[in-house]
Amino acid sequence: MRMLDADEQAEVYTFQLYLTPSEAKELITELEKLLKDPEANEHFHVGLDTGRDFSCSLITDNKMKDISGYTQLEQKILKKR
């Protein structure tokens, strides 16, 4: 698991997430979509309508072979194991 605070441009080590029931359902639905094709170059956002944003994507060993499509900060964090 890698977590990034895009606003602060820093890695996050501890994260707490508070969801409404509808946001939790949306998260489950969107994760299930990603899991149908883990190799797809896809991601999703939850909570954009509230002014807060939670973004999620899947990483796989295959995707980690070429991370050039990510920002420099994302690449730095993704390279850490």
C-alpha atoms as a PDB file:
ATOM      1  CA  MET A   1       0.000   0.000   0.000  1.00  0.00           C
ATOM      2  CA  ARG A   2       1.247   3.448  -0.881  1.00  0.00           C
ATOM      3  CA  MET A   3      -0.526   6.642   0.157  1.00  0.00           C
ATOM      4  CA  LEU A   4       0.087  10.149  -1.109  1.00  0.00           C
ATOM      5  CA  ASP A   5      -1.117  13.535   0.090  1.00  0.00           C
ATOM      6  CA  ALA A   6      -1.327  15.336  -3.245  1.00  0.00           C
ATOM      7  CA  ASP A   7      -1.893  18.742  -1.623  1.00  0.00           C
ATOM      8  CA  GLU A   8       1.181  18.490   0.599  1.00  0.00           C
ATOM      9  CA  GLN A   9       3.199  16.543  -1.987  1.00  0.00           C
ATOM     10  CA  ALA A  10       4.199  14.015   0.653  1.00  0.00           C
ATOM     11  CA  GLU A  11       3.828  10.358   1.476  1.00  0.00           C
ATOM     12  CA  VAL A  12       1.231   9.436   4.093  1.00  0.00           C
ATOM     13  CA  TYR A  13       1.965   6.693   6.610  1.00  0.00           C
ATOM     14  CA  THR A  14      -1.179   6.787   8.735  1.00  0.00           C
ATOM     15  CA  PHE A  15      -4.565   7.428   7.212  1.00  0.00           C
ATOM     16  CA  GLN A  16      -8.044   7.570   8.679  1.00  0.00           C
ATOM     17  CA  LEU A  17     -11.072   7.667   6.421  1.00  0.00           C
ATOM     18  CA  TYR A  18     -14.588   8.545   7.552  1.00  0.00           C
ATOM     19  CA  LEU A  19     -17.277   7.614   5.047  1.00  0.00           C
ATOM     20  CA  THR A  20     -21.030   7.982   4.905  1.00  0.00           C
ATOM     21  CA  PRO A  21     -22.883   4.764   4.062  1.00  0.00           C
ATOM     22  CA  SER A  22     -23.413   5.960   0.480  1.00  0.00           C
ATOM     23  CA  GLU A  23     -19.706   6.820   0.111  1.00  0.00           C
ATOM     24  CA  ALA A  24     -18.774   3.382   1.473  1.00  0.00           C
ATOM     25  CA  LYS A  25     -21.071   1.733  -1.087  1.00  0.00           C
ATOM     26  CA  GLU A  26     -19.519   3.840  -3.845  1.00  0.00           C
ATOM     27  CA  LEU A  27     -16.034   2.813  -2.695  1.00  0.00           C
ATOM     28  CA  ILE A  28     -16.980  -0.884  -2.769  1.00  0.00           C
ATOM     29  CA  THR A  29     -18.596  -0.555  -6.205  1.00  0.00           C
ATOM     30  CA  GLU A  30     -15.602   1.254  -7.667  1.00  0.00           C
ATOM     31  CA  LEU A  31     -13.089  -1.197  -6.148  1.00  0.00           C
ATOM     32  CA  GLU A  32     -15.054  -4.099  -7.641  1.00  0.00           C
ATOM     33  CA  LYS A  33     -14.819  -2.419 -11.061  1.00  0.00           C
ATOM     34  CA  LEU A  34     -11.029  -2.109 -10.726  1.00  0.00           C
ATOM     35  CA  LEU A  35     -10.714  -5.724  -9.624  1.00  0.00           C
ATOM     36  CA  LYS A  36     -12.438  -6.953 -12.794  1.00  0.00           C
ATOM     37  CA  ASP A  37      -9.291  -5.916 -14.710  1.00  0.00           C
ATOM     38  CA  PRO A  38      -6.428  -5.126 -12.317  1.00  0.00           C
ATOM     39  CA  GLU A  39      -4.052  -4.452 -15.226  1.00  0.00           C
ATOM     40  CA  ALA A  40      -6.224  -1.668 -16.669  1.00  0.00           C
ATOM     41  CA  ASN A  41      -4.832   1.837 -16.367  1.00  0.00           C
ATOM     42  CA  GLU A  42      -7.828   3.070 -14.385  1.00  0.00           C
ATOM     43  CA  HIS A  43      -8.569   4.848 -11.128  1.00  0.00           C
ATOM     44  CA  PHE A  44     -11.556   6.403  -9.426  1.00  0.00           C
ATOM     45  CA  HIS A  45     -12.467   9.256  -7.100  1.00  0.00           C
ATOM     46  CA  VAL A  46     -14.937   9.283  -4.226  1.00  0.00           C
ATOM     47  CA  GLY A  47     -16.333  12.445  -2.664  1.00  0.00           C
ATOM     48  CA  LEU A  48     -15.650  15.017  -5.366  1.00  0.00           C
ATOM     49  CA  ASP A  49     -19.059  16.584  -4.782  1.00  0.00           C
ATOM     50  CA  THR A  50     -18.134  17.390  -1.159  1.00  0.00           C
ATOM     51  CA  GLY A  51     -14.954  19.296  -1.978  1.00  0.00           C
ATOM     52  CA  ARG A  52     -12.913  16.419  -0.568  1.00  0.00           C
ATOM     53  CA  ASP A  53     -11.306  13.882  -2.835  1.00  0.00           C
ATOM     54  CA  PHE A  54     -10.262  10.286  -2.339  1.00  0.00           C
ATOM     55  CA  SER A  55      -8.568   8.678  -5.311  1.00  0.00           C
ATOM     56  CA  CYS A  56      -7.754   5.001  -5.659  1.00  0.00           C
ATOM     57  CA  SER A  57      -6.031   2.798  -8.214  1.00  0.00           C
ATOM     58  CA  LEU A  58      -4.588  -0.702  -8.264  1.00  0.00           C
ATOM     59  CA  ILE A  59      -0.918  -1.500  -8.634  1.00  0.00           C
ATOM     60  CA  THR A  60       0.328  -4.854  -9.848  1.00  0.00           C
ATOM     61  CA  ASP A  61       3.776  -6.318 -10.440  1.00  0.00           C
ATOM     62  CA  ASN A  62       3.187  -5.882 -14.166  1.00  0.00           C
ATOM     63  CA  LYS A  63       2.191  -2.218 -13.817  1.00  0.00           C
ATOM     64  CA  MET A  64       5.256  -1.566 -11.646  1.00  0.00           C
ATOM     65  CA  LYS A  65       7.525  -2.504 -14.573  1.00  0.00           C
ATOM     66  CA  ASP A  66       6.742   0.841 -16.243  1.00  0.00           C
ATOM     67  CA  ILE A  67       5.675   3.676 -13.953  1.00  0.00           C
ATOM     68  CA  SER A  68       6.569   6.449 -16.373  1.00  0.00           C
ATOM     69  CA  GLY A  69       2.918   7.498 -16.608  1.00  0.00           C
ATOM     70  CA  TYR A  70       2.921   8.609 -12.975  1.00  0.00           C
ATOM     71  CA  THR A  71       4.124  11.962 -11.620  1.00  0.00           C
ATOM     72  CA  GLN A  72       7.656  12.194 -10.221  1.00  0.00           C
ATOM     73  CA  LEU A  73       6.313  12.154  -6.663  1.00  0.00           C
ATOM     74  CA  GLU A  74       4.127   9.119  -7.388  1.00  0.00           C
ATOM     75  CA  GLN A  75       7.106   7.346  -8.967  1.00  0.00           C
ATOM     76  CA  LYS A  76       9.229   8.050  -5.882  1.00  0.00           C
ATOM     77  CA  ILE A  77       6.575   6.607  -3.588  1.00  0.00           C
ATOM     78  CA  LEU A  78       5.796   3.655  -5.852  1.00  0.00           C
ATOM     79  CA  LYS A  79       9.460   2.648  -5.970  1.00  0.00           C
ATOM     80  CA  LYS A  80       9.463   2.165  -2.198  1.00  0.00           C
ATOM     81  CA  ARG A  81       8.604  -1.320  -1.015  1.00  0.00           C
END
